[in-house]
Amino acid sequence: MPKKRHPDLASSAVRASMVAVNAVPPVGIDRLRVLVADDHDLYRRGMQVVLGQEDDLEVVGEGRNGAEAVDLAVELVPDVVLMDVRMPVLTGIQACGRIKDLVPSAKILMLTMSDEEADLFDALRAGASGYLLKDEPAEAVIDGIRAVHAGHSMIPPQMAAMLVTEFGRLSRKAKERERGPKLTDREIEVLRLVARGAANKEIAKTLFISENTVKNHIRNILDKLQMHSRVAAAMYAMRTNLLDQD
């Protein structure tokens, strides 16, 4: 699908009253249902305009704080939630954890002005599938929505370096910690592939099993590790040196 050129989100919001968002998708296209949660009206309005120009995306709700985001997620069951990190009532990170508990099918993409590594790590631990800075172009947000819905992770390159540093620190301490829950040999194989960035289809092909079986293994892995996302499980695999035990 060819990419559309978008102005920045603030400019989009200023012109929102002049833009008609088509609420009816073209025949044969199932739109991804997106919930936007941000305490800035201008940003939410701009995002409504930008996403409304995409044939495969639809904004189904807007939350002004973390508590509203949780309530709307339960009511609307969106495919993807765009969530600001810093919001009143409940922070985006607190809301992220609650949404993953209540609506586990929803993918959460955090959008923020914060490039602090603590926010990144907390968001991933809470179950976020991606983390983008608000100064990214609109195309990056659109690509991020599609990517996390497809099961991929989205982290800006400049912040990925923070993860590498953290992985190194954790791996040095891993031998001092008690080993985690017992995973089966097959679950370890699946987890290693997840940590290397493989999608379910690729894992199924590599291990000669069905995608449904892969999903079941990943669900069992997350349950045993008491984690909410593939990213968190991948971090566990790296800090416990599972990738070095092939």
Foldseek 3Di string as FASTA:
>chain_A
DDDDDDDALLVQLVCLVVDDQDPDAPPPAAAFEEEEEALDPSNVSSLQRLQSVDRRYHHPYYHNFLVRVLVVCLVPVGQEYEAEQCGPPDGRLRSLLSSCVRRVNYAYEYEYQDLDLVSVVSNVQSAHQEYYYSVDGPVLVVVQSVQVSQPFHYYDPVSVVVLVVVLVVLLVCLVVDDDFFDDDPVLLLLLLCLLVGDGLVRSCVVVVHDSVVSVVSVVVQCVRRVGSGSVVSSSSCSSNVSNVPD
